[in-house]
Amino acid sequence: MTDDRRPNNPQAMSPRTISALIIGGLVLWGLYIAAGVIWYGLNPLGGVVVLVCVAIFVGFWMLLLRTQKNENGP
């Protein structure tokens, strides 16, 4: 029996799609952690701190990816 579930093209997902999935996962993770801090923490502003930190981290990496793309090609 052959396994026909694998795509024939090994580059089925573009690097942009992979980056979008990773960034989306980081945002969802940040929302999950912030919700936990709000619901189970003593300080409800802790969730805002978590969301701001995640936003700064993701924004920084998006900026780096954008500048790298501009330097490597048109």
PDB file of N, CA and C in Angstrom:
ATOM      1  N   MET A   1       0.831  -1.172   0.000  1.00  0.00           N
ATOM      2  CA  MET A   1       0.000   0.000   0.000  1.00  0.00           C
ATOM      3  C   MET A   1       0.880   1.241   0.000  1.00  0.00           C
ATOM      4  N   THR A   2       0.473   2.204  -0.764  1.00  0.00           N
ATOM      5  CA  THR A   2       1.203   3.463  -0.790  1.00  0.00           C
ATOM      6  C   THR A   2       0.432   4.523  -0.012  1.00  0.00           C
ATOM      7  N   ASP A   3       1.182   5.431   0.536  1.00  0.00           N
ATOM      8  CA  ASP A   3       0.579   6.510   1.303  1.00  0.00           C
ATOM      9  C   ASP A   3       0.440   7.724   0.386  1.00  0.00           C
ATOM     10  N   ASP A   4      -0.773   8.012  -0.069  1.00  0.00           N
ATOM     11  CA  ASP A   4      -1.018   9.109  -1.002  1.00  0.00           C
ATOM     12  C   ASP A   4      -1.440  10.392  -0.299  1.00  0.00           C
ATOM     13  N   ARG A   5      -1.300  10.452   1.016  1.00  0.00           N
ATOM     14  CA  ARG A   5      -1.717  11.647   1.740  1.00  0.00           C
ATOM     15  C   ARG A   5      -0.680  12.753   1.683  1.00  0.00           C
ATOM     16  N   ARG A   6       0.552  12.436   1.419  1.00  0.00           N
ATOM     17  CA  ARG A   6       1.590  13.460   1.338  1.00  0.00           C
ATOM     18  C   ARG A   6       1.498  14.177  -0.005  1.00  0.00           C
ATOM     19  N   PRO A   7       1.706  15.502  -0.009  1.00  0.00           N
ATOM     20  CA  PRO A   7       1.667  16.218  -1.287  1.00  0.00           C
ATOM     21  C   PRO A   7       2.891  15.886  -2.129  1.00  0.00           C
ATOM     22  N   ASN A   8       2.721  15.966  -3.437  1.00  0.00           N
ATOM     23  CA  ASN A   8       3.831  15.689  -4.344  1.00  0.00           C
ATOM     24  C   ASN A   8       4.870  16.795  -4.313  1.00  0.00           C
ATOM     25  N   ASN A   9       4.428  18.009  -4.032  1.00  0.00           N
ATOM     26  CA  ASN A   9       5.328  19.149  -3.987  1.00  0.00           C
ATOM     27  C   ASN A   9       5.809  19.357  -2.553  1.00  0.00           C
ATOM     28  N   PRO A  10       7.109  19.228  -2.297  1.00  0.00           N
ATOM     29  CA  PRO A  10       7.590  19.404  -0.922  1.00  0.00           C
ATOM     30  C   PRO A  10       7.475  20.841  -0.435  1.00  0.00           C
ATOM     31  N   GLN A  11       7.319  21.810  -1.343  1.00  0.00           N
ATOM     32  CA  GLN A  11       7.167  23.205  -0.959  1.00  0.00           C
ATOM     33  C   GLN A  11       5.702  23.619  -1.077  1.00  0.00           C
ATOM     34  N   ALA A  12       4.810  22.862  -0.489  1.00  0.00           N
ATOM     35  CA  ALA A  12       3.395  23.148  -0.591  1.00  0.00           C
ATOM     36  C   ALA A  12       3.023  24.422   0.155  1.00  0.00           C
ATOM     37  N   MET A  13       3.713  24.703   1.255  1.00  0.00           N
ATOM     38  CA  MET A  13       3.429  25.906   2.028  1.00  0.00           C
ATOM     39  C   MET A  13       4.551  26.914   1.823  1.00  0.00           C
ATOM     40  N   SER A  14       4.172  28.142   1.518  1.00  0.00           N
ATOM     41  CA  SER A  14       5.178  29.173   1.294  1.00  0.00           C
ATOM     42  C   SER A  14       5.727  29.656   2.643  1.00  0.00           C
ATOM     43  N   PRO A  15       6.898  30.253   2.628  1.00  0.00           N
ATOM     44  CA  PRO A  15       7.441  30.805   3.881  1.00  0.00           C
ATOM     45  C   PRO A  15       6.525  31.858   4.501  1.00  0.00           C
ATOM     46  N   ARG A  16       5.820  32.602   3.671  1.00  0.00           N
ATOM     47  CA  ARG A  16       4.886  33.609   4.192  1.00  0.00           C
ATOM     48  C   ARG A  16       3.742  32.949   4.953  1.00  0.00           C
ATOM     49  N   THR A  17       3.243  31.835   4.449  1.00  0.00           N
ATOM     50  CA  THR A  17       2.177  31.104   5.135  1.00  0.00           C
ATOM     51  C   THR A  17       2.668  30.551   6.456  1.00  0.00           C
ATOM     52  N   ILE A  18       3.857  30.014   6.468  1.00  0.00           N
ATOM     53  CA  ILE A  18       4.427  29.464   7.700  1.00  0.00           C
ATOM     54  C   ILE A  18       4.618  30.581   8.734  1.00  0.00           C
ATOM     55  N   SER A  19       5.121  31.737   8.289  1.00  0.00           N
ATOM     56  CA  SER A  19       5.288  32.871   9.208  1.00  0.00           C
ATOM     57  C   SER A  19       3.948  33.329   9.767  1.00  0.00           C
ATOM     58  N   ALA A  20       2.929  33.378   8.917  1.00  0.00           N
ATOM     59  CA  ALA A  20       1.599  33.791   9.377  1.00  0.00           C
ATOM     60  C   ALA A  20       1.042  32.811  10.401  1.00  0.00           C
ATOM     61  N   LEU A  21       1.274  31.529  10.203  1.00  0.00           N
ATOM     62  CA  LEU A  21       0.809  30.529  11.168  1.00  0.00           C
ATOM     63  C   LEU A  21       1.540  30.660  12.507  1.00  0.00           C
ATOM     64  N   ILE A  22       2.826  30.896  12.453  1.00  0.00           N
ATOM     65  CA  ILE A  22       3.605  31.046  13.687  1.00  0.00           C
ATOM     66  C   ILE A  22       3.174  32.302  14.436  1.00  0.00           C
ATOM     67  N   ILE A  23       3.021  33.408  13.727  1.00  0.00           N
ATOM     68  CA  ILE A  23       2.606  34.656  14.371  1.00  0.00           C
ATOM     69  C   ILE A  23       1.200  34.533  14.922  1.00  0.00           C
ATOM     70  N   GLY A  24       0.313  33.902  14.169  1.00  0.00           N
ATOM     71  CA  GLY A  24      -1.043  33.667  14.673  1.00  0.00           C
ATOM     72  C   GLY A  24      -1.049  32.799  15.918  1.00  0.00           C
ATOM     73  N   GLY A  25      -0.189  31.791  15.939  1.00  0.00           N
ATOM     74  CA  GLY A  25      -0.073  30.943  17.122  1.00  0.00           C
ATOM     75  C   GLY A  25       0.447  31.704  18.328  1.00  0.00           C
ATOM     76  N   LEU A  26       1.409  32.597  18.104  1.00  0.00           N
ATOM     77  CA  LEU A  26       1.928  33.412  19.206  1.00  0.00           C
ATOM     78  C   LEU A  26       0.861  34.351  19.757  1.00  0.00           C
ATOM     79  N   VAL A  27       0.054  34.922  18.874  1.00  0.00           N
ATOM     80  CA  VAL A  27      -1.019  35.811  19.326  1.00  0.00           C
ATOM     81  C   VAL A  27      -2.055  35.027  20.119  1.00  0.00           C
ATOM     82  N   LEU A  28      -2.438  33.852  19.627  1.00  0.00           N
ATOM     83  CA  LEU A  28      -3.398  33.023  20.365  1.00  0.00           C
ATOM     84  C   LEU A  28      -2.834  32.591  21.715  1.00  0.00           C
ATOM     85  N   TRP A  29      -1.558  32.248  21.747  1.00  0.00           N
ATOM     86  CA  TRP A  29      -0.913  31.871  23.008  1.00  0.00           C
ATOM     87  C   TRP A  29      -0.945  33.038  23.983  1.00  0.00           C
ATOM     88  N   GLY A  30      -0.656  34.246  23.496  1.00  0.00           N
ATOM     89  CA  GLY A  30      -0.686  35.432  24.344  1.00  0.00           C
ATOM     90  C   GLY A  30      -2.081  35.707  24.890  1.00  0.00           C
ATOM     91  N   LEU A  31      -3.099  35.531  24.051  1.00  0.00           N
ATOM     92  CA  LEU A  31      -4.479  35.704  24.516  1.00  0.00           C
ATOM     93  C   LEU A  31      -4.838  34.671  25.580  1.00  0.00           C
ATOM     94  N   TYR A  32      -4.374  33.449  25.388  1.00  0.00           N
ATOM     95  CA  TYR A  32      -4.640  32.379  26.348  1.00  0.00           C
ATOM     96  C   TYR A  32      -3.985  32.684  27.700  1.00  0.00           C
ATOM     97  N   ILE A  33      -2.731  33.099  27.668  1.00  0.00           N
ATOM     98  CA  ILE A  33      -2.017  33.431  28.904  1.00  0.00           C
ATOM     99  C   ILE A  33      -2.653  34.650  29.571  1.00  0.00           C
ATOM    100  N   ALA A  34      -3.012  35.657  28.787  1.00  0.00           N
ATOM    101  CA  ALA A  34      -3.634  36.861  29.354  1.00  0.00           C
ATOM    102  C   ALA A  34      -4.981  36.530  30.000  1.00  0.00           C
ATOM    103  N   ALA A  35      -5.765  35.669  29.364  1.00  0.00           N
ATOM    104  CA  ALA A  35      -7.045  35.270  29.957  1.00  0.00           C
ATOM    105  C   ALA A  35      -6.816  34.545  31.275  1.00  0.00           C
ATOM    106  N   GLY A  36      -5.811  33.695  31.340  1.00  0.00           N
ATOM    107  CA  GLY A  36      -5.494  32.998  32.581  1.00  0.00           C
ATOM    108  C   GLY A  36      -5.053  33.954  33.677  1.00  0.00           C
ATOM    109  N   VAL A  37      -4.279  34.960  33.310  1.00  0.00           N
ATOM    110  CA  VAL A  37      -3.829  35.941  34.298  1.00  0.00           C
ATOM    111  C   VAL A  37      -5.020  36.754  34.812  1.00  0.00           C
ATOM    112  N   ILE A  38      -5.922  37.114  33.917  1.00  0.00           N
ATOM    113  CA  ILE A  38      -7.092  37.904  34.330  1.00  0.00           C
ATOM    114  C   ILE A  38      -8.011  37.086  35.238  1.00  0.00           C
ATOM    115  N   TRP A  39      -8.283  35.839  34.847  1.00  0.00           N
ATOM    116  CA  TRP A  39      -9.237  35.027  35.606  1.00  0.00           C
ATOM    117  C   TRP A  39      -8.670  34.485  36.911  1.00  0.00           C
ATOM    118  N   TYR A  40      -7.389  34.131  36.921  1.00  0.00           N
ATOM    119  CA  TYR A  40      -6.821  33.479  38.100  1.00  0.00           C
ATOM    120  C   TYR A  40      -5.814  34.328  38.854  1.00  0.00           C
ATOM    121  N   GLY A  41      -5.451  35.475  38.320  1.00  0.00           N
ATOM    122  CA  GLY A  41      -4.451  36.316  38.970  1.00  0.00           C
ATOM    123  C   GLY A  41      -5.087  37.287  39.962  1.00  0.00           C
ATOM    124  N   LEU A  42      -4.251  37.869  40.761  1.00  0.00           N
ATOM    125  CA  LEU A  42      -4.722  38.840  41.735  1.00  0.00           C
ATOM    126  C   LEU A  42      -4.902  40.220  41.123  1.00  0.00           C
ATOM    127  N   ASN A  43      -4.140  40.542  40.102  1.00  0.00           N
ATOM    128  CA  ASN A  43      -4.183  41.855  39.476  1.00  0.00           C
ATOM    129  C   ASN A  43      -4.772  41.726  38.069  1.00  0.00           C
ATOM    130  N   PRO A  44      -5.950  42.293  37.803  1.00  0.00           N
ATOM    131  CA  PRO A  44      -6.538  42.166  36.464  1.00  0.00           C
ATOM    132  C   PRO A  44      -5.743  42.904  35.387  1.00  0.00           C
ATOM    133  N   LEU A  45      -4.906  43.855  35.771  1.00  0.00           N
ATOM    134  CA  LEU A  45      -4.072  44.537  34.773  1.00  0.00           C
ATOM    135  C   LEU A  45      -2.911  43.665  34.298  1.00  0.00           C
ATOM    136  N   GLY A  46      -2.695  42.543  34.955  1.00  0.00           N
ATOM    137  CA  GLY A  46      -1.640  41.626  34.516  1.00  0.00           C
ATOM    138  C   GLY A  46      -1.894  41.102  33.114  1.00  0.00           C
ATOM    139  N   GLY A  47      -3.163  40.915  32.766  1.00  0.00           N
ATOM    140  CA  GLY A  47      -3.506  40.477  31.412  1.00  0.00           C
ATOM    141  C   GLY A  47      -3.128  41.510  30.366  1.00  0.00           C
ATOM    142  N   VAL A  48      -3.292  42.773  30.717  1.00  0.00           N
ATOM    143  CA  VAL A  48      -2.898  43.841  29.801  1.00  0.00           C
ATOM    144  C   VAL A  48      -1.381  43.848  29.617  1.00  0.00           C
ATOM    145  N   VAL A  49      -0.661  43.620  30.684  1.00  0.00           N
ATOM    146  CA  VAL A  49       0.804  43.556  30.600  1.00  0.00           C
ATOM    147  C   VAL A  49       1.225  42.420  29.665  1.00  0.00           C
ATOM    148  N   VAL A  50       0.585  41.267  29.807  1.00  0.00           N
ATOM    149  CA  VAL A  50       0.912  40.127  28.948  1.00  0.00           C
ATOM    150  C   VAL A  50       0.615  40.461  27.487  1.00  0.00           C
ATOM    151  N   LEU A  51      -0.547  41.055  27.221  1.00  0.00           N
ATOM    152  CA  LEU A  51      -0.907  41.392  25.845  1.00  0.00           C
ATOM    153  C   LEU A  51       0.043  42.429  25.248  1.00  0.00           C
ATOM    154  N   VAL A  52       0.464  43.397  26.035  1.00  0.00           N
ATOM    155  CA  VAL A  52       1.404  44.403  25.541  1.00  0.00           C
ATOM    156  C   VAL A  52       2.750  43.757  25.232  1.00  0.00           C
ATOM    157  N   CYS A  53       3.207  42.868  26.087  1.00  0.00           N
ATOM    158  CA  CYS A  53       4.488  42.186  25.844  1.00  0.00           C
ATOM    159  C   CYS A  53       4.431  41.327  24.590  1.00  0.00           C
ATOM    160  N   VAL A  54       3.331  40.613  24.400  1.00  0.00           N
ATOM    161  CA  VAL A  54       3.182  39.783  23.195  1.00  0.00           C
ATOM    162  C   VAL A  54       3.120  40.677  21.956  1.00  0.00           C
ATOM    163  N   ALA A  55       2.401  41.786  22.045  1.00  0.00           N
ATOM    164  CA  ALA A  55       2.300  42.699  20.901  1.00  0.00           C
ATOM    165  C   ALA A  55       3.666  43.293  20.542  1.00  0.00           C
ATOM    166  N   ILE A  56       4.445  43.664  21.545  1.00  0.00           N
ATOM    167  CA  ILE A  56       5.785  44.203  21.286  1.00  0.00           C
ATOM    168  C   ILE A  56       6.673  43.134  20.644  1.00  0.00           C
ATOM    169  N   PHE A  57       6.616  41.914  21.170  1.00  0.00           N
ATOM    170  CA  PHE A  57       7.438  40.828  20.632  1.00  0.00           C
ATOM    171  C   PHE A  57       7.064  40.519  19.179  1.00  0.00           C
ATOM    172  N   VAL A  58       5.764  40.345  18.922  1.00  0.00           N
ATOM    173  CA  VAL A  58       5.323  40.008  17.554  1.00  0.00           C
ATOM    174  C   VAL A  58       5.587  41.179  16.613  1.00  0.00           C
ATOM    175  N   GLY A  59       5.330  42.399  17.067  1.00  0.00           N
ATOM    176  CA  GLY A  59       5.593  43.563  16.222  1.00  0.00           C
ATOM    177  C   GLY A  59       7.065  43.702  15.876  1.00  0.00           C
ATOM    178  N   PHE A  60       7.937  43.442  16.843  1.00  0.00           N
ATOM    179  CA  PHE A  60       9.375  43.500  16.597  1.00  0.00           C
ATOM    180  C   PHE A  60       9.792  42.485  15.538  1.00  0.00           C
ATOM    181  N   TRP A  61       9.295  41.262  15.653  1.00  0.00           N
ATOM    182  CA  TRP A  61       9.657  40.236  14.683  1.00  0.00           C
ATOM    183  C   TRP A  61       9.066  40.505  13.304  1.00  0.00           C
ATOM    184  N   MET A  62       7.868  41.059  13.265  1.00  0.00           N
ATOM    185  CA  MET A  62       7.295  41.421  11.963  1.00  0.00           C
ATOM    186  C   MET A  62       8.118  42.528  11.303  1.00  0.00           C
ATOM    187  N   LEU A  63       8.585  43.487  12.109  1.00  0.00           N
ATOM    188  CA  LEU A  63       9.446  44.541  11.585  1.00  0.00           C
ATOM    189  C   LEU A  63      10.753  43.962  11.052  1.00  0.00           C
ATOM    190  N   LEU A  64      11.351  43.046  11.795  1.00  0.00           N
ATOM    191  CA  LEU A  64      12.595  42.419  11.330  1.00  0.00           C
ATOM    192  C   LEU A  64      12.382  41.618  10.048  1.00  0.00           C
ATOM    193  N   LEU A  65      11.292  40.888   9.969  1.00  0.00           N
ATOM    194  CA  LEU A  65      11.013  40.117   8.758  1.00  0.00           C
ATOM    195  C   LEU A  65      10.770  41.024   7.563  1.00  0.00           C
ATOM    196  N   ARG A  66      10.103  42.131   7.790  1.00  0.00           N
ATOM    197  CA  ARG A  66       9.832  43.064   6.694  1.00  0.00           C
ATOM    198  C   ARG A  66      11.118  43.710   6.197  1.00  0.00           C
ATOM    199  N   THR A  67      12.004  44.121   7.108  1.00  0.00           N
ATOM    200  CA  THR A  67      13.255  44.743   6.679  1.00  0.00           C
ATOM    201  C   THR A  67      14.172  43.727   6.008  1.00  0.00           C
ATOM    202  N   GLN A  68      14.147  42.482   6.451  1.00  0.00           N
ATOM    203  CA  GLN A  68      14.958  41.450   5.811  1.00  0.00           C
ATOM    204  C   GLN A  68      14.470  41.200   4.396  1.00  0.00           C
ATOM    205  N   LYS A  69      13.157  41.181   4.196  1.00  0.00           N
ATOM    206  CA  LYS A  69      12.599  40.962   2.869  1.00  0.00           C
ATOM    207  C   LYS A  69      12.976  42.105   1.928  1.00  0.00           C
ATOM    208  N   ASN A  70      12.974  43.337   2.432  1.00  0.00           N
ATOM    209  CA  ASN A  70      13.324  44.486   1.601  1.00  0.00           C
ATOM    210  C   ASN A  70      14.799  44.487   1.225  1.00  0.00           C
ATOM    211  N   GLU A  71      15.661  43.972   2.088  1.00  0.00           N
ATOM    212  CA  GLU A  71      17.092  43.955   1.785  1.00  0.00           C
ATOM    213  C   GLU A  71      17.463  42.855   0.805  1.00  0.00           C
ATOM    214  N   ASN A  72      16.728  41.745   0.809  1.00  0.00           N
ATOM    215  CA  ASN A  72      17.100  40.605  -0.029  1.00  0.00           C
ATOM    216  C   ASN A  72      16.575  40.705  -1.443  1.00  0.00           C
ATOM    217  N   GLY A  73      15.594  41.486  -1.691  1.00  0.00           N
ATOM    218  CA  GLY A  73      15.068  41.529  -3.040  1.00  0.00           C
ATOM    219  C   GLY A  73      14.173  42.727  -3.250  1.00  0.00           C
ATOM    220  N   PRO A  74      13.709  42.888  -4.491  1.00  0.00           N
ATOM    221  CA  PRO A  74      12.858  44.042  -4.802  1.00  0.00           C
ATOM    222  C   PRO A  74      11.481  43.938  -4.210  1.00  0.00           C
TER     223      PRO A  74
END
